[in-house]
Amino acid sequence: MTKCRISWSQTKTILAFLLNNGFLEMSKSKHPDGNGHERLMTVFRTTREGVVLLLALENVEFILKTEYAKDAYRLRHVATATL
């Protein structure tokens, strides 16, 4: 949340979307709290579908960073500006 610079409200919305669409699964698990006690924590795990989504997003990111994508954007922008 902090690294992405998003609010708790945005995080809840995104988590709900990912859970409802099967990209994440949620479970409860006991973890040591460092004081000799165990604490029940919520754990999110990426599903197989979530991994496929991540790979697809990485491909989109790669495509958008290439010169081809930059040139296509410039051409589209120039074409619409001249109409």
N, C-alpha and C. Protein backbone atom coordinates (compact mmCIF):
# COMPACT_ATOMS: atom_id res chain seq x y z
N MET A 1 0.83 -1.17 0.00
CA MET A 1 0.00 0.00 0.00
C MET A 1 0.88 1.25 0.00
N THR A 2 1.84 1.29 0.88
CA THR A 2 2.73 2.45 0.98
C THR A 2 3.60 2.57 -0.26
N LYS A 3 4.16 1.45 -0.72
CA LYS A 3 5.02 1.49 -1.90
C LYS A 3 4.26 1.91 -3.15
N CYS A 4 2.99 1.56 -3.22
CA CYS A 4 2.16 1.93 -4.37
C CYS A 4 1.55 3.31 -4.23
N ARG A 5 1.71 3.90 -3.04
CA ARG A 5 1.15 5.22 -2.75
C ARG A 5 -0.35 5.29 -2.98
N ILE A 6 -1.06 4.28 -2.43
CA ILE A 6 -2.51 4.28 -2.50
C ILE A 6 -3.08 4.25 -1.09
N SER A 7 -4.29 4.72 -0.97
CA SER A 7 -4.94 4.80 0.34
C SER A 7 -5.50 3.43 0.75
N TRP A 8 -5.95 3.35 2.01
CA TRP A 8 -6.56 2.12 2.50
C TRP A 8 -7.86 1.86 1.76
N SER A 9 -8.60 2.91 1.46
CA SER A 9 -9.85 2.77 0.71
C SER A 9 -9.59 2.18 -0.68
N GLN A 10 -8.58 2.68 -1.36
CA GLN A 10 -8.22 2.15 -2.68
C GLN A 10 -7.74 0.70 -2.57
N THR A 11 -6.98 0.41 -1.53
CA THR A 11 -6.47 -0.95 -1.32
C THR A 11 -7.63 -1.92 -1.14
N LYS A 12 -8.63 -1.54 -0.33
CA LYS A 12 -9.79 -2.42 -0.11
C LYS A 12 -10.53 -2.69 -1.42
N THR A 13 -10.68 -1.66 -2.24
CA THR A 13 -11.37 -1.82 -3.52
C THR A 13 -10.60 -2.77 -4.44
N ILE A 14 -9.30 -2.58 -4.51
CA ILE A 14 -8.46 -3.42 -5.37
C ILE A 14 -8.45 -4.87 -4.87
N LEU A 15 -8.30 -5.06 -3.56
CA LEU A 15 -8.31 -6.42 -3.00
C LEU A 15 -9.64 -7.11 -3.28
N ALA A 16 -10.75 -6.39 -3.12
CA ALA A 16 -12.08 -6.97 -3.38
C ALA A 16 -12.18 -7.41 -4.84
N PHE A 17 -11.70 -6.57 -5.75
CA PHE A 17 -11.73 -6.91 -7.18
C PHE A 17 -10.91 -8.18 -7.44
N LEU A 18 -9.69 -8.22 -6.91
CA LEU A 18 -8.80 -9.37 -7.14
C LEU A 18 -9.36 -10.65 -6.52
N LEU A 19 -9.94 -10.55 -5.34
CA LEU A 19 -10.54 -11.71 -4.69
C LEU A 19 -11.78 -12.19 -5.44
N ASN A 20 -12.67 -11.26 -5.80
CA ASN A 20 -13.92 -11.62 -6.47
C ASN A 20 -13.71 -12.21 -7.85
N ASN A 21 -12.60 -11.88 -8.48
CA ASN A 21 -12.32 -12.39 -9.82
C ASN A 21 -11.35 -13.56 -9.82
N GLY A 22 -11.01 -14.06 -8.64
CA GLY A 22 -10.19 -15.26 -8.54
C GLY A 22 -8.70 -15.07 -8.75
N PHE A 23 -8.22 -13.83 -8.68
CA PHE A 23 -6.80 -13.59 -8.86
C PHE A 23 -6.02 -13.73 -7.56
N LEU A 24 -6.71 -13.59 -6.44
CA LEU A 24 -6.13 -13.78 -5.11
C LEU A 24 -7.03 -14.69 -4.29
N GLU A 25 -6.42 -15.36 -3.31
CA GLU A 25 -7.20 -16.10 -2.32
C GLU A 25 -6.77 -15.63 -0.94
N MET A 26 -7.71 -15.64 -0.02
CA MET A 26 -7.45 -15.13 1.32
C MET A 26 -7.62 -16.26 2.32
N SER A 27 -6.73 -16.29 3.31
CA SER A 27 -6.85 -17.27 4.39
C SER A 27 -6.39 -16.63 5.69
N LYS A 28 -6.69 -17.28 6.78
CA LYS A 28 -6.22 -16.83 8.09
C LYS A 28 -5.14 -17.80 8.54
N SER A 29 -4.11 -17.26 9.16
CA SER A 29 -2.98 -18.08 9.58
C SER A 29 -2.38 -17.50 10.85
N LYS A 30 -1.90 -18.37 11.73
CA LYS A 30 -1.25 -17.91 12.96
C LYS A 30 0.23 -17.65 12.69
N HIS A 31 0.70 -16.51 13.18
CA HIS A 31 2.10 -16.12 13.02
C HIS A 31 2.62 -15.59 14.35
N PRO A 32 3.90 -15.87 14.68
CA PRO A 32 4.46 -15.31 15.91
C PRO A 32 4.53 -13.79 15.82
N ASP A 33 4.24 -13.11 16.93
CA ASP A 33 4.25 -11.64 16.93
C ASP A 33 5.55 -11.06 17.47
N GLY A 34 6.52 -11.91 17.81
CA GLY A 34 7.79 -11.42 18.30
C GLY A 34 7.84 -11.30 19.82
N ASN A 35 6.70 -11.44 20.48
CA ASN A 35 6.62 -11.35 21.94
C ASN A 35 6.28 -12.69 22.57
N GLY A 36 6.51 -13.76 21.84
CA GLY A 36 6.21 -15.09 22.36
C GLY A 36 4.75 -15.49 22.21
N HIS A 37 3.98 -14.72 21.52
CA HIS A 37 2.57 -15.02 21.29
C HIS A 37 2.32 -15.25 19.81
N GLU A 38 1.22 -15.91 19.52
CA GLU A 38 0.83 -16.07 18.14
C GLU A 38 -0.33 -15.13 17.84
N ARG A 39 -0.34 -14.63 16.65
CA ARG A 39 -1.37 -13.69 16.25
C ARG A 39 -2.03 -14.21 14.97
N LEU A 40 -3.34 -14.15 14.91
CA LEU A 40 -4.06 -14.56 13.72
C LEU A 40 -3.99 -13.44 12.68
N MET A 41 -3.46 -13.77 11.51
CA MET A 41 -3.28 -12.76 10.47
C MET A 41 -3.97 -13.20 9.19
N THR A 42 -4.37 -12.22 8.41
CA THR A 42 -4.93 -12.49 7.09
C THR A 42 -3.78 -12.60 6.10
N VAL A 43 -3.81 -13.66 5.28
CA VAL A 43 -2.76 -13.91 4.30
C VAL A 43 -3.41 -13.95 2.92
N PHE A 44 -2.83 -13.22 1.98
CA PHE A 44 -3.31 -13.24 0.60
C PHE A 44 -2.29 -13.99 -0.25
N ARG A 45 -2.80 -14.89 -1.09
CA ARG A 45 -1.92 -15.65 -1.99
C ARG A 45 -2.41 -15.48 -3.42
N THR A 46 -1.47 -15.38 -4.32
CA THR A 46 -1.80 -15.27 -5.74
C THR A 46 -2.22 -16.64 -6.26
N THR A 47 -3.35 -16.67 -6.98
CA THR A 47 -3.82 -17.92 -7.59
C THR A 47 -3.13 -18.11 -8.94
N ARG A 48 -3.39 -19.25 -9.56
CA ARG A 48 -2.85 -19.50 -10.90
C ARG A 48 -3.33 -18.42 -11.88
N GLU A 49 -4.62 -18.06 -11.77
CA GLU A 49 -5.17 -17.01 -12.63
C GLU A 49 -4.49 -15.67 -12.35
N GLY A 50 -4.14 -15.43 -11.09
CA GLY A 50 -3.44 -14.22 -10.72
C GLY A 50 -2.05 -14.14 -11.33
N VAL A 51 -1.38 -15.28 -11.40
CA VAL A 51 -0.05 -15.32 -12.02
C VAL A 51 -0.17 -15.03 -13.52
N VAL A 52 -1.21 -15.59 -14.16
CA VAL A 52 -1.44 -15.31 -15.58
C VAL A 52 -1.69 -13.82 -15.78
N LEU A 53 -2.48 -13.21 -14.90
CA LEU A 53 -2.74 -11.77 -14.98
C LEU A 53 -1.44 -10.97 -14.83
N LEU A 54 -0.61 -11.33 -13.86
CA LEU A 54 0.66 -10.63 -13.67
C LEU A 54 1.54 -10.72 -14.90
N LEU A 55 1.62 -11.90 -15.50
CA LEU A 55 2.43 -12.07 -16.72
C LEU A 55 1.88 -11.22 -17.86
N ALA A 56 0.55 -11.17 -17.99
CA ALA A 56 -0.06 -10.35 -19.04
C ALA A 56 0.24 -8.87 -18.82
N LEU A 57 0.17 -8.43 -17.58
CA LEU A 57 0.46 -7.03 -17.27
C LEU A 57 1.93 -6.70 -17.53
N GLU A 58 2.82 -7.64 -17.25
CA GLU A 58 4.24 -7.43 -17.56
C GLU A 58 4.44 -7.29 -19.07
N ASN A 59 3.70 -8.08 -19.86
CA ASN A 59 3.81 -7.97 -21.32
C ASN A 59 3.31 -6.61 -21.79
N VAL A 60 2.20 -6.15 -21.24
CA VAL A 60 1.67 -4.83 -21.60
C VAL A 60 2.68 -3.75 -21.25
N GLU A 61 3.25 -3.85 -20.07
CA GLU A 61 4.25 -2.86 -19.65
C GLU A 61 5.44 -2.86 -20.62
N PHE A 62 5.90 -4.03 -21.01
CA PHE A 62 7.02 -4.13 -21.95
C PHE A 62 6.66 -3.48 -23.29
N ILE A 63 5.47 -3.79 -23.79
CA ILE A 63 5.04 -3.23 -25.08
C ILE A 63 4.97 -1.71 -25.01
N LEU A 64 4.43 -1.19 -23.92
CA LEU A 64 4.28 0.25 -23.79
C LEU A 64 5.61 0.98 -23.66
N LYS A 65 6.64 0.27 -23.23
CA LYS A 65 7.96 0.89 -23.07
C LYS A 65 8.79 0.84 -24.34
N THR A 66 8.35 0.12 -25.35
CA THR A 66 9.14 0.00 -26.58
C THR A 66 8.99 1.23 -27.44
N GLU A 67 9.91 1.43 -28.34
CA GLU A 67 9.86 2.56 -29.26
C GLU A 67 8.65 2.44 -30.18
N TYR A 68 8.26 1.22 -30.52
CA TYR A 68 7.09 1.03 -31.39
C TYR A 68 5.85 1.66 -30.77
N ALA A 69 5.64 1.41 -29.51
CA ALA A 69 4.47 1.96 -28.83
C ALA A 69 4.55 3.48 -28.77
N LYS A 70 5.74 4.00 -28.52
CA LYS A 70 5.90 5.46 -28.46
C LYS A 70 5.63 6.08 -29.82
N ASP A 71 6.15 5.45 -30.90
CA ASP A 71 5.91 5.96 -32.25
C ASP A 71 4.45 5.86 -32.62
N ALA A 72 3.80 4.76 -32.28
CA ALA A 72 2.37 4.60 -32.58
C ALA A 72 1.55 5.66 -31.86
N TYR A 73 1.89 5.96 -30.63
CA TYR A 73 1.18 6.99 -29.89
C TYR A 73 1.37 8.36 -30.55
N ARG A 74 2.60 8.67 -30.94
CA ARG A 74 2.88 9.95 -31.58
C ARG A 74 2.11 10.08 -32.90
N LEU A 75 2.10 9.02 -33.70
CA LEU A 75 1.38 9.04 -34.96
C LEU A 75 -0.12 9.24 -34.75
N ARG A 76 -0.68 8.55 -33.79
CA ARG A 76 -2.11 8.68 -33.49
C ARG A 76 -2.42 10.09 -33.02
N HIS A 77 -1.54 10.64 -32.20
CA HIS A 77 -1.76 12.00 -31.67
C HIS A 77 -1.70 13.02 -32.80
N VAL A 78 -0.74 12.87 -33.70
CA VAL A 78 -0.61 13.80 -34.83
C VAL A 78 -1.81 13.65 -35.76
N ALA A 79 -2.24 12.42 -36.03
CA ALA A 79 -3.35 12.18 -36.93
C ALA A 79 -4.65 12.81 -36.39
N THR A 80 -4.91 12.66 -35.11
CA THR A 80 -6.14 13.21 -34.55
C THR A 80 -6.06 14.72 -34.43
N ALA A 81 -4.88 15.26 -34.29
CA ALA A 81 -4.72 16.72 -34.17
C ALA A 81 -4.95 17.41 -35.51
N THR A 82 -4.70 16.71 -36.61
CA THR A 82 -4.84 17.33 -37.92
C THR A 82 -6.25 17.18 -38.47
N LEU A 83 -7.10 16.39 -37.84
CA LEU A 83 -8.47 16.19 -38.35
C LEU A 83 -9.36 17.33 -38.06
